[in-house]
PDB file of N, CA and C in Angstrom:
ATOM      1  N   UNK A   1      96.191  83.773  79.067  1.00  0.00           N
ATOM      2  CA  UNK A   1      95.316  83.142  79.733  1.00  0.00           C
ATOM      3  C   UNK A   1      95.203  81.476  79.323  1.00  0.00           C
ATOM      4  N   UNK A   2      95.202  80.533  80.190  1.00  0.00           N
ATOM      5  CA  UNK A   2      95.348  79.284  79.737  1.00  0.00           C
ATOM      6  C   UNK A   2      93.987  78.789  78.988  1.00  0.00           C
ATOM      7  N   UNK A   3      94.172  77.825  78.156  1.00  0.00           N
ATOM      8  CA  UNK A   3      92.917  77.248  77.416  1.00  0.00           C
ATOM      9  C   UNK A   3      91.987  76.698  78.376  1.00  0.00           C
ATOM     10  N   UNK A   4      92.449  75.807  79.350  1.00  0.00           N
ATOM     11  CA  UNK A   4      91.543  75.155  80.334  1.00  0.00           C
ATOM     12  C   UNK A   4      92.090  75.264  81.808  1.00  0.00           C
ATOM     13  N   UNK A   5      91.229  75.278  82.666  1.00  0.00           N
ATOM     14  CA  UNK A   5      91.656  75.245  84.017  1.00  0.00           C
ATOM     15  C   UNK A   5      92.574  74.054  84.428  1.00  0.00           C
ATOM     16  N   UNK A   6      93.691  74.417  85.049  1.00  0.00           N
ATOM     17  CA  UNK A   6      94.626  73.429  85.518  1.00  0.00           C
ATOM     18  C   UNK A   6      94.048  72.424  86.665  1.00  0.00           C
ATOM     19  N   UNK A   7      93.039  72.814  87.333  1.00  0.00           N
ATOM     20  CA  UNK A   7      92.536  71.978  88.239  1.00  0.00           C
ATOM     21  C   UNK A   7      91.380  71.244  87.903  1.00  0.00           C
ATOM     22  N   UNK A   8      90.340  71.898  87.143  1.00  0.00           N
ATOM     23  CA  UNK A   8      89.106  71.014  86.876  1.00  0.00           C
ATOM     24  C   UNK A   8      88.962  70.771  85.317  1.00  0.00           C
ATOM     25  N   UNK A   9      89.975  71.402  84.588  1.00  0.00           N
ATOM     26  CA  UNK A   9      89.774  71.156  82.964  1.00  0.00           C
ATOM     27  C   UNK A   9      88.574  71.975  82.515  1.00  0.00           C
ATOM     28  N   UNK A  10      87.953  72.950  83.095  1.00  0.00           N
ATOM     29  CA  UNK A  10      87.087  73.809  82.563  1.00  0.00           C
ATOM     30  C   UNK A  10      87.573  74.673  81.417  1.00  0.00           C
ATOM     31  N   UNK A  11      86.780  74.640  80.298  1.00  0.00           N
ATOM     32  CA  UNK A  11      87.259  75.353  79.260  1.00  0.00           C
ATOM     33  C   UNK A  11      87.129  77.140  79.432  1.00  0.00           C
ATOM     34  N   UNK A  12      88.195  77.730  79.410  1.00  0.00           N
ATOM     35  CA  UNK A  12      88.178  79.246  79.833  1.00  0.00           C
ATOM     36  C   UNK A  12      87.454  80.048  79.043  1.00  0.00           C
ATOM     37  N   UNK A  13      87.535  79.878  77.667  1.00  0.00           N
ATOM     38  CA  UNK A  13      86.832  80.677  76.542  1.00  0.00           C
ATOM     39  C   UNK A  13      85.551  79.760  76.137  1.00  0.00           C
ATOM     40  N   UNK A  14      84.457  79.964  76.870  1.00  0.00           N
ATOM     41  CA  UNK A  14      83.247  79.367  76.558  1.00  0.00           C
ATOM     42  C   UNK A  14      82.730  79.528  75.291  1.00  0.00           C
ATOM     43  N   UNK A  15      82.810  80.874  74.932  1.00  0.00           N
ATOM     44  CA  UNK A  15      82.338  81.300  73.436  1.00  0.00           C
ATOM     45  C   UNK A  15      83.124  82.400  73.165  1.00  0.00           C
ATOM     46  N   UNK A  16      83.083  82.900  71.901  1.00  0.00           N
ATOM     47  CA  UNK A  16      83.783  84.051  71.401  1.00  0.00           C
ATOM     48  C   UNK A  16      83.085  85.177  71.896  1.00  0.00           C
ATOM     49  N   UNK A  17      83.781  86.134  72.735  1.00  0.00           N
ATOM     50  CA  UNK A  17      83.156  87.336  73.266  1.00  0.00           C
ATOM     51  C   UNK A  17      82.583  87.176  74.653  1.00  0.00           C
ATOM     52  N   UNK A  18      82.620  85.945  75.075  1.00  0.00           N
ATOM     53  CA  UNK A  18      82.046  85.556  76.389  1.00  0.00           C
ATOM     54  C   UNK A  18      82.430  86.666  77.552  1.00  0.00           C
ATOM     55  N   UNK A  19      83.671  87.138  77.538  1.00  0.00           N
ATOM     56  CA  UNK A  19      84.168  87.862  78.658  1.00  0.00           C
ATOM     57  C   UNK A  19      84.060  89.476  78.545  1.00  0.00           C
ATOM     58  N   UNK A  20      83.159  89.758  77.462  1.00  0.00           N
ATOM     59  CA  UNK A  20      82.948  91.359  77.177  1.00  0.00           C
ATOM     60  C   UNK A  20      82.013  91.632  78.364  1.00  0.00           C
ATOM     61  N   UNK A  21      81.149  90.841  79.036  1.00  0.00           N
ATOM     62  CA  UNK A  21      80.398  91.377  80.061  1.00  0.00           C
ATOM     63  C   UNK A  21      81.168  91.587  81.358  1.00  0.00           C
ATOM     64  N   UNK A  22      82.533  91.271  81.365  1.00  0.00           N
ATOM     65  CA  UNK A  22      83.316  91.484  82.537  1.00  0.00           C
ATOM     66  C   UNK A  22      83.572  92.959  82.754  1.00  0.00           C
ATOM     67  N   UNK A  23      83.224  93.740  81.695  1.00  0.00           N
ATOM     68  CA  UNK A  23      83.499  95.124  81.805  1.00  0.00           C
ATOM     69  C   UNK A  23      82.583  95.748  82.876  1.00  0.00           C
ATOM     70  N   UNK A  24      81.285  95.273  82.781  1.00  0.00           N
ATOM     71  CA  UNK A  24      80.267  95.646  83.808  1.00  0.00           C
ATOM     72  C   UNK A  24      80.642  95.312  85.027  1.00  0.00           C
ATOM     73  N   UNK A  25      81.083  94.089  85.237  1.00  0.00           N
ATOM     74  CA  UNK A  25      81.440  93.631  86.720  1.00  0.00           C
ATOM     75  C   UNK A  25      82.821  94.352  87.188  1.00  0.00           C
ATOM     76  N   UNK A  26      83.731  94.801  86.261  1.00  0.00           N
ATOM     77  CA  UNK A  26      84.898  95.689  86.693  1.00  0.00           C
ATOM     78  C   UNK A  26      84.367  96.996  87.073  1.00  0.00           C
ATOM     79  N   UNK A  27      83.536  97.533  86.333  1.00  0.00           N
ATOM     80  CA  UNK A  27      82.869  98.831  86.641  1.00  0.00           C
ATOM     81  C   UNK A  27      82.305  98.894  88.075  1.00  0.00           C
ATOM     82  N   UNK A  28      81.459  97.710  88.233  1.00  0.00           N
ATOM     83  CA  UNK A  28      80.769  97.628  89.604  1.00  0.00           C
ATOM     84  C   UNK A  28      81.897  97.648  90.710  1.00  0.00           C
ATOM     85  N   UNK A  29      82.910  96.890  90.460  1.00  0.00           N
ATOM     86  CA  UNK A  29      83.874  96.638  91.417  1.00  0.00           C
ATOM     87  C   UNK A  29      84.697  98.038  91.824  1.00  0.00           C
ATOM     88  N   UNK A  30      84.865  98.646  90.535  1.00  0.00           N
ATOM     89  CA  UNK A  30      85.513 100.012  90.725  1.00  0.00           C
ATOM     90  C   UNK A  30      84.681 101.080  91.542  1.00  0.00           C
ATOM     91  N   UNK A  31      83.527 100.990  91.125  1.00  0.00           N
ATOM     92  CA  UNK A  31      82.489 101.948  91.877  1.00  0.00           C
ATOM     93  C   UNK A  31      82.528 101.562  93.480  1.00  0.00           C
ATOM     94  N   UNK A  32      82.320 100.160  93.827  1.00  0.00           N
ATOM     95  CA  UNK A  32      82.408  99.723  95.113  1.00  0.00           C
ATOM     96  C   UNK A  32      83.711 100.248  95.747  1.00  0.00           C
ATOM     97  N   UNK A  33      84.938 100.162  95.037  1.00  0.00           N
ATOM     98  CA  UNK A  33      86.100 100.675  95.816  1.00  0.00           C
ATOM     99  C   UNK A  33      86.150 102.036  95.890  1.00  0.00           C
ATOM    100  N   UNK A  34      85.496 102.817  95.037  1.00  0.00           N
ATOM    101  CA  UNK A  34      85.497 104.295  95.168  1.00  0.00           C
ATOM    102  C   UNK A  34      84.637 104.795  96.242  1.00  0.00           C
ATOM    103  N   UNK A  35      83.500 103.998  96.509  1.00  0.00           N
ATOM    104  CA  UNK A  35      82.636 104.289  97.753  1.00  0.00           C
ATOM    105  C   UNK A  35      83.589 103.913  98.875  1.00  0.00           C
ATOM    106  N   UNK A  36      84.064 102.726  99.086  1.00  0.00           N
ATOM    107  CA  UNK A  36      85.004 102.366 100.103  1.00  0.00           C
ATOM    108  C   UNK A  36      86.077 103.506 100.465  1.00  0.00           C
ATOM    109  N   UNK A  37      86.736 104.095  99.373  1.00  0.00           N
ATOM    110  CA  UNK A  37      87.592 104.944  99.723  1.00  0.00           C
ATOM    111  C   UNK A  37      86.900 106.477 100.120  1.00  0.00           C
ATOM    112  N   UNK A  38      85.826 106.665  99.635  1.00  0.00           N
ATOM    113  CA  UNK A  38      85.101 107.839 100.116  1.00  0.00           C
ATOM    114  C   UNK A  38      84.656 107.813 101.423  1.00  0.00           C
ATOM    115  N   UNK A  39      84.394 106.582 102.122  1.00  0.00           N
ATOM    116  CA  UNK A  39      83.934 106.265 103.426  1.00  0.00           C
ATOM    117  C   UNK A  39      85.310 106.454 104.228  1.00  0.00           C
ATOM    118  N   UNK A  40      86.368 105.747 103.941  1.00  0.00           N
ATOM    119  CA  UNK A  40      87.521 105.979 104.749  1.00  0.00           C
ATOM    120  C   UNK A  40      88.015 107.353 104.801  1.00  0.00           C
ATOM    121  N   UNK A  41      87.974 107.968 103.709  1.00  0.00           N
ATOM    122  CA  UNK A  41      88.413 109.450 103.491  1.00  0.00           C
ATOM    123  C   UNK A  41      87.622 110.451 104.227  1.00  0.00           C
ATOM    124  N   UNK A  42      86.154 110.070 104.393  1.00  0.00           N
ATOM    125  CA  UNK A  42      85.473 110.998 105.331  1.00  0.00           C
ATOM    126  C   UNK A  42      85.737 110.740 106.655  1.00  0.00           C
ATOM    127  N   UNK A  43      86.003 109.412 107.091  1.00  0.00           N
ATOM    128  CA  UNK A  43      86.243 109.109 108.512  1.00  0.00           C
ATOM    129  C   UNK A  43      87.554 109.713 109.037  1.00  0.00           C
ATOM    130  N   UNK A  44      88.565 109.649 108.114  1.00  0.00           N
ATOM    131  CA  UNK A  44      89.811 110.013 108.735  1.00  0.00           C
ATOM    132  C   UNK A  44      90.203 111.438 108.163  1.00  0.00           C
ATOM    133  N   UNK A  45      89.729 111.937 107.210  1.00  0.00           N
ATOM    134  CA  UNK A  45      90.290 113.339 106.657  1.00  0.00           C
ATOM    135  C   UNK A  45      89.097 114.224 106.616  1.00  0.00           C
ATOM    136  N   UNK A  46      87.986 113.733 106.047  1.00  0.00           N
ATOM    137  CA  UNK A  46      86.777 114.792 105.898  1.00  0.00           C
ATOM    138  C   UNK A  46      86.919 115.570 104.668  1.00  0.00           C
ATOM    139  N   UNK A  47      85.573 115.894 104.000  1.00  0.00           N
ATOM    140  CA  UNK A  47      85.432 116.608 102.827  1.00  0.00           C
ATOM    141  C   UNK A  47      84.937 117.786 103.238  1.00  0.00           C
ATOM    142  N   UNK A  48      85.395 118.952 102.908  1.00  0.00           N
ATOM    143  CA  UNK A  48      84.886 120.242 103.008  1.00  0.00           C
ATOM    144  C   UNK A  48      84.982 120.890 101.595  1.00  0.00           C
ATOM    145  N   UNK A  49      84.092 121.667 101.349  1.00  0.00           N
ATOM    146  CA  UNK A  49      83.940 122.454 100.051  1.00  0.00           C
ATOM    147  C   UNK A  49      84.677 123.866 100.291  1.00  0.00           C
ATOM    148  N   UNK A  50      85.158 124.231 101.433  1.00  0.00           N
ATOM    149  CA  UNK A  50      85.794 125.458 101.539  1.00  0.00           C
ATOM    150  C   UNK A  50      87.475 125.277 101.350  1.00  0.00           C
ATOM    151  N   UNK A  51      87.851 124.020 101.398  1.00  0.00           N
ATOM    152  CA  UNK A  51      89.314 123.756 101.160  1.00  0.00           C
ATOM    153  C   UNK A  51      89.444 122.717  99.922  1.00  0.00           C
ATOM    154  N   UNK A  52      90.430 122.365  99.788  1.00  0.00           N
ATOM    155  CA  UNK A  52      90.789 121.432  98.408  1.00  0.00           C
ATOM    156  C   UNK A  52      90.712 119.928  98.801  1.00  0.00           C
ATOM    157  N   UNK A  53      89.981 119.436  99.901  1.00  0.00           N
ATOM    158  CA  UNK A  53      89.869 118.234 100.417  1.00  0.00           C
ATOM    159  C   UNK A  53      89.139 117.421  99.306  1.00  0.00           C
ATOM    160  N   UNK A  54      88.055 117.806  98.611  1.00  0.00           N
ATOM    161  CA  UNK A  54      87.379 117.055  97.605  1.00  0.00           C
ATOM    162  C   UNK A  54      88.375 116.717  96.502  1.00  0.00           C
ATOM    163  N   UNK A  55      89.231 117.606  96.030  1.00  0.00           N
ATOM    164  CA  UNK A  55      90.189 117.469  95.078  1.00  0.00           C
ATOM    165  C   UNK A  55      91.225 116.330  95.415  1.00  0.00           C
ATOM    166  N   UNK A  56      91.626 116.431  96.588  1.00  0.00           N
ATOM    167  CA  UNK A  56      92.593 115.457  97.225  1.00  0.00           C
ATOM    168  C   UNK A  56      91.943 114.183  97.220  1.00  0.00           C
ATOM    169  N   UNK A  57      90.683 114.011  97.591  1.00  0.00           N
ATOM    170  CA  UNK A  57      89.987 112.789  97.520  1.00  0.00           C
ATOM    171  C   UNK A  57      90.161 112.022  96.143  1.00  0.00           C
ATOM    172  N   UNK A  58      89.561 112.909  95.035  1.00  0.00           N
ATOM    173  CA  UNK A  58      89.560 112.494  93.923  1.00  0.00           C
ATOM    174  C   UNK A  58      90.858 112.093  93.350  1.00  0.00           C
ATOM    175  N   UNK A  59      91.796 112.772  93.645  1.00  0.00           N
ATOM    176  CA  UNK A  59      93.210 112.422  93.202  1.00  0.00           C
ATOM    177  C   UNK A  59      93.800 111.160  93.956  1.00  0.00           C
ATOM    178  N   UNK A  60      93.458 110.978  95.211  1.00  0.00           N
ATOM    179  CA  UNK A  60      93.884 109.691  95.872  1.00  0.00           C
ATOM    180  C   UNK A  60      93.172 108.530  95.320  1.00  0.00           C
ATOM    181  N   UNK A  61      91.822 108.729  95.163  1.00  0.00           N
ATOM    182  CA  UNK A  61      90.771 107.644  94.637  1.00  0.00           C
ATOM    183  C   UNK A  61      91.262 107.182  93.137  1.00  0.00           C
ATOM    184  N   UNK A  62      91.600 108.023  92.346  1.00  0.00           N
ATOM    185  CA  UNK A  62      91.901 107.852  91.049  1.00  0.00           C
ATOM    186  C   UNK A  62      93.228 106.917  91.106  1.00  0.00           C
ATOM    187  N   UNK A  63      94.236 107.243  91.938  1.00  0.00           N
ATOM    188  CA  UNK A  63      95.509 106.579  92.103  1.00  0.00           C
ATOM    189  C   UNK A  63      95.215 105.133  92.643  1.00  0.00           C
ATOM    190  N   UNK A  64      94.491 105.212  93.453  1.00  0.00           N
ATOM    191  CA  UNK A  64      94.212 103.810  94.103  1.00  0.00           C
ATOM    192  C   UNK A  64      93.427 102.953  93.034  1.00  0.00           C
ATOM    193  N   UNK A  65      92.546 103.398  92.325  1.00  0.00           N
ATOM    194  CA  UNK A  65      91.731 102.513  91.542  1.00  0.00           C
ATOM    195  C   UNK A  65      92.573 102.206  90.327  1.00  0.00           C
ATOM    196  N   UNK A  66      93.425 102.980  89.752  1.00  0.00           N
ATOM    197  CA  UNK A  66      94.331 102.725  88.762  1.00  0.00           C
ATOM    198  C   UNK A  66      95.342 101.667  89.115  1.00  0.00           C
ATOM    199  N   UNK A  67      95.797 101.835  90.408  1.00  0.00           N
ATOM    200  CA  UNK A  67      96.929 100.907  90.872  1.00  0.00           C
ATOM    201  C   UNK A  67      96.352  99.418  91.087  1.00  0.00           C
ATOM    202  N   UNK A  68      94.960  99.311  91.444  1.00  0.00           N
ATOM    203  CA  UNK A  68      94.339  98.122  91.611  1.00  0.00           C
ATOM    204  C   UNK A  68      93.566  97.548  90.562  1.00  0.00           C
ATOM    205  N   UNK A  69      93.579  98.171  89.516  1.00  0.00           N
ATOM    206  CA  UNK A  69      92.966  97.840  88.248  1.00  0.00           C
ATOM    207  C   UNK A  69      93.292  96.478  87.707  1.00  0.00           C
ATOM    208  N   UNK A  70      94.599  95.908  87.720  1.00  0.00           N
ATOM    209  CA  UNK A  70      94.908  94.651  87.190  1.00  0.00           C
ATOM    210  C   UNK A  70      94.114  93.714  87.957  1.00  0.00           C
ATOM    211  N   UNK A  71      94.110  93.817  89.483  1.00  0.00           N
ATOM    212  CA  UNK A  71      93.436  92.922  90.152  1.00  0.00           C
ATOM    213  C   UNK A  71      92.062  92.954  90.067  1.00  0.00           C
ATOM    214  N   UNK A  72      91.399  94.183  89.799  1.00  0.00           N
ATOM    215  CA  UNK A  72      89.928  94.352  89.533  1.00  0.00           C
ATOM    216  C   UNK A  72      89.457  93.593  88.407  1.00  0.00           C
ATOM    217  N   UNK A  73      90.415  93.573  87.413  1.00  0.00           N
ATOM    218  CA  UNK A  73      90.038  93.016  86.116  1.00  0.00           C
ATOM    219  C   UNK A  73      90.108  91.488  86.184  1.00  0.00           C
ATOM    220  N   UNK A  74      91.032  91.069  86.945  1.00  0.00           N
ATOM    221  CA  UNK A  74      90.968  89.536  87.110  1.00  0.00           C
ATOM    222  C   UNK A  74      89.906  88.980  87.989  1.00  0.00           C
ATOM    223  N   UNK A  75      89.578  89.719  89.126  1.00  0.00           N
ATOM    224  CA  UNK A  75      88.470  89.282  89.905  1.00  0.00           C
ATOM    225  C   UNK A  75      87.212  89.437  89.349  1.00  0.00           C
ATOM    226  N   UNK A  76      87.024  90.385  88.301  1.00  0.00           N
ATOM    227  CA  UNK A  76      85.799  90.474  87.521  1.00  0.00           C
ATOM    228  C   UNK A  76      85.621  89.317  86.715  1.00  0.00           C
ATOM    229  N   UNK A  77      86.855  88.723  86.119  1.00  0.00           N
ATOM    230  CA  UNK A  77      86.593  87.634  85.300  1.00  0.00           C
ATOM    231  C   UNK A  77      86.163  86.345  86.056  1.00  0.00           C
ATOM    232  N   UNK A  78      86.734  86.181  87.284  1.00  0.00           N
ATOM    233  CA  UNK A  78      86.276  85.103  88.144  1.00  0.00           C
ATOM    234  C   UNK A  78      84.813  85.334  88.656  1.00  0.00           C
ATOM    235  N   UNK A  79      84.395  86.508  88.936  1.00  0.00           N
ATOM    236  CA  UNK A  79      82.990  86.673  89.334  1.00  0.00           C
ATOM    237  C   UNK A  79      82.060  86.294  88.188  1.00  0.00           C
ATOM    238  N   UNK A  80      82.444  86.900  86.916  1.00  0.00           N
ATOM    239  CA  UNK A  80      81.585  86.753  85.930  1.00  0.00           C
ATOM    240  C   UNK A  80      81.506  85.193  85.400  1.00  0.00           C
ATOM    241  N   UNK A  81      82.615  84.638  85.509  1.00  0.00           N
ATOM    242  CA  UNK A  81      82.658  83.161  85.206  1.00  0.00           C
ATOM    243  C   UNK A  81      81.784  82.369  86.315  1.00  0.00           C
ATOM    244  N   UNK A  82      81.846  82.660  87.420  1.00  0.00           N
ATOM    245  CA  UNK A  82      81.088  81.862  88.494  1.00  0.00           C
ATOM    246  C   UNK A  82      79.594  82.243  88.283  1.00  0.00           C
ATOM    247  N   UNK A  83      79.291  83.144  87.713  1.00  0.00           N
ATOM    248  CA  UNK A  83      77.779  83.523  87.453  1.00  0.00           C
ATOM    249  C   UNK A  83      77.174  82.675  86.493  1.00  0.00           C
ATOM    250  N   UNK A  84      77.944  82.185  85.527  1.00  0.00           N
ATOM    251  CA  UNK A  84      77.567  81.257  84.270  1.00  0.00           C
ATOM    252  C   UNK A  84      77.946  79.788  84.402  1.00  0.00           C
ATOM    253  N   UNK A  85      78.999  79.419  85.136  1.00  0.00           N
ATOM    254  CA  UNK A  85      79.532  78.073  85.194  1.00  0.00           C
ATOM    255  C   UNK A  85      79.221  77.647  86.668  1.00  0.00           C
ATOM    256  N   UNK A  86      78.483  76.550  86.904  1.00  0.00           N
ATOM    257  CA  UNK A  86      78.023  76.004  87.956  1.00  0.00           C
ATOM    258  C   UNK A  86      79.049  74.885  88.433  1.00  0.00           C
ATOM    259  N   UNK A  87      79.681  74.825  89.548  1.00  0.00           N
ATOM    260  CA  UNK A  87      80.571  73.971  90.010  1.00  0.00           C
ATOM    261  C   UNK A  87      79.984  73.034  91.097  1.00  0.00           C
ATOM    262  N   UNK A  88      80.193  71.813  90.763  1.00  0.00           N
ATOM    263  CA  UNK A  88      79.623  70.724  91.751  1.00  0.00           C
ATOM    264  C   UNK A  88      80.636  70.377  92.729  1.00  0.00           C
ATOM    265  N   UNK A  89      80.460  69.126  93.389  1.00  0.00           N
ATOM    266  CA  UNK A  89      81.501  68.644  94.293  1.00  0.00           C
ATOM    267  C   UNK A  89      82.528  68.075  93.237  1.00  0.00           C
ATOM    268  N   UNK A  90      83.750  68.108  93.530  1.00  0.00           N
ATOM    269  CA  UNK A  90      84.899  67.733  92.896  1.00  0.00           C
ATOM    270  C   UNK A  90      86.005  67.068  93.585  1.00  0.00           C
ATOM    271  N   UNK A  91      86.247  65.852  93.259  1.00  0.00           N
ATOM    272  CA  UNK A  91      87.211  65.165  94.033  1.00  0.00           C
ATOM    273  C   UNK A  91      88.524  65.081  93.159  1.00  0.00           C
ATOM    274  N   UNK A  92      89.745  65.522  93.664  1.00  0.00           N
ATOM    275  CA  UNK A  92      90.687  65.764  92.735  1.00  0.00           C
ATOM    276  C   UNK A  92      91.382  64.421  92.324  1.00  0.00           C
ATOM    277  N   UNK A  93      91.284  63.296  93.213  1.00  0.00           N
ATOM    278  CA  UNK A  93      91.713  62.012  93.155  1.00  0.00           C
ATOM    279  C   UNK A  93      90.846  61.170  92.157  1.00  0.00           C
ATOM    280  N   UNK A  94      89.532  61.719  91.764  1.00  0.00           N
ATOM    281  CA  UNK A  94      88.740  60.906  90.888  1.00  0.00           C
ATOM    282  C   UNK A  94      89.031  60.934  89.557  1.00  0.00           C
ATOM    283  N   UNK A  95      88.950  59.630  88.933  1.00  0.00           N
ATOM    284  CA  UNK A  95      89.425  59.430  87.520  1.00  0.00           C
ATOM    285  C   UNK A  95      88.503  59.936  86.458  1.00  0.00           C
ATOM    286  N   UNK A  96      87.293  60.294  87.016  1.00  0.00           N
ATOM    287  CA  UNK A  96      86.335  60.776  86.063  1.00  0.00           C
ATOM    288  C   UNK A  96      86.424  62.246  85.626  1.00  0.00           C
ATOM    289  N   UNK A  97      87.247  62.993  86.303  1.00  0.00           N
ATOM    290  CA  UNK A  97      87.428  64.477  85.933  1.00  0.00           C
ATOM    291  C   UNK A  97      88.061  64.639  84.511  1.00  0.00           C
ATOM    292  N   UNK A  98      87.893  65.823  84.072  1.00  0.00           N
ATOM    293  CA  UNK A  98      88.602  66.064  82.850  1.00  0.00           C
ATOM    294  C   UNK A  98      89.945  66.487  83.164  1.00  0.00           C
ATOM    295  N   UNK A  99      91.036  65.828  82.312  1.00  0.00           N
ATOM    296  CA  UNK A  99      92.337  66.134  82.697  1.00  0.00           C
ATOM    297  C   UNK A  99      92.685  67.455  82.287  1.00  0.00           C
ATOM    298  N   UNK A 100      93.724  68.087  82.948  1.00  0.00           N
ATOM    299  CA  UNK A 100      94.142  69.333  82.493  1.00  0.00           C
ATOM    300  C   UNK A 100      95.025  69.475  81.203  1.00  0.00           C
ATOM    301  N   UNK A 101      95.277  70.636  80.713  1.00  0.00           N
ATOM    302  CA  UNK A 101      95.925  70.483  79.323  1.00  0.00           C
ATOM    303  C   UNK A 101      97.487  70.110  79.546  1.00  0.00           C
ATOM    304  N   UNK A 102      97.890  70.238  80.703  1.00  0.00           N
ATOM    305  CA  UNK A 102      99.337  69.950  80.871  1.00  0.00           C
ATOM    306  C   UNK A 102      99.590  68.522  81.348  1.00  0.00           C
ATOM    307  N   UNK A 103      98.463  67.683  81.329  1.00  0.00           N
ATOM    308  CA  UNK A 103      98.546  66.162  81.533  1.00  0.00           C
ATOM    309  C   UNK A 103      99.411  65.652  80.440  1.00  0.00           C
ATOM    310  N   UNK A 104     100.331  64.658  80.927  1.00  0.00           N
ATOM    311  CA  UNK A 104     101.276  64.112  79.881  1.00  0.00           C
ATOM    312  C   UNK A 104     100.517  63.268  78.874  1.00  0.00           C
ATOM    313  N   UNK A 105     100.768  63.521  77.680  1.00  0.00           N
ATOM    314  CA  UNK A 105     100.068  62.681  76.581  1.00  0.00           C
ATOM    315  C   UNK A 105     100.846  61.287  76.499  1.00  0.00           C
ATOM    316  N   UNK A 106     100.111  60.272  76.232  1.00  0.00           N
ATOM    317  CA  UNK A 106     100.846  58.974  75.694  1.00  0.00           C
ATOM    318  C   UNK A 106     101.388  58.975  74.382  1.00  0.00           C
ATOM    319  N   UNK A 107     102.597  58.476  74.148  1.00  0.00           N
ATOM    320  CA  UNK A 107     103.140  58.462  72.844  1.00  0.00           C
ATOM    321  C   UNK A 107     102.816  57.138  72.037  1.00  0.00           C
ATOM    322  N   UNK A 108     102.497  57.287  70.800  1.00  0.00           N
ATOM    323  CA  UNK A 108     102.112  56.049  70.081  1.00  0.00           C
ATOM    324  C   UNK A 108     103.192  55.852  69.229  1.00  0.00           C
ATOM    325  N   UNK A 109     103.787  54.660  69.397  1.00  0.00           N
ATOM    326  CA  UNK A 109     104.870  54.104  68.562  1.00  0.00           C
ATOM    327  C   UNK A 109     104.275  53.128  67.428  1.00  0.00           C
ATOM    328  N   UNK A 110     104.793  53.448  66.315  1.00  0.00           N
ATOM    329  CA  UNK A 110     104.378  52.694  65.139  1.00  0.00           C
ATOM    330  C   UNK A 110     105.659  51.992  64.560  1.00  0.00           C
ATOM    331  N   UNK A 111     105.454  50.704  64.120  1.00  0.00           N
ATOM    332  CA  UNK A 111     106.753  50.015  63.632  1.00  0.00           C
ATOM    333  C   UNK A 111     106.472  49.750  62.270  1.00  0.00           C
TER     334      UNK A 111
END
């Protein structure tokens, strides 16, 4: 993860352990995805306790949630960061913004 945002220069690691709270956001997104999977599974296939459709739902849901977990974790960081960092209007051409880490540094020549 970069030290600062390439667009606005926002420091990504605000304080040590700041992103531990993203686990709760990731859990909430995973539960929301599970509910979404349940709804489409009920609509298209249906769940009945007399056959194995409940176990098929659980298997399909686990596979989908595990495959999407890297994206869920990234979006949970974005959601968590946006809850604590307020962004105002930003003009990319403005000279007052904080430069990104990749900005070229001036060389100092001594003689």
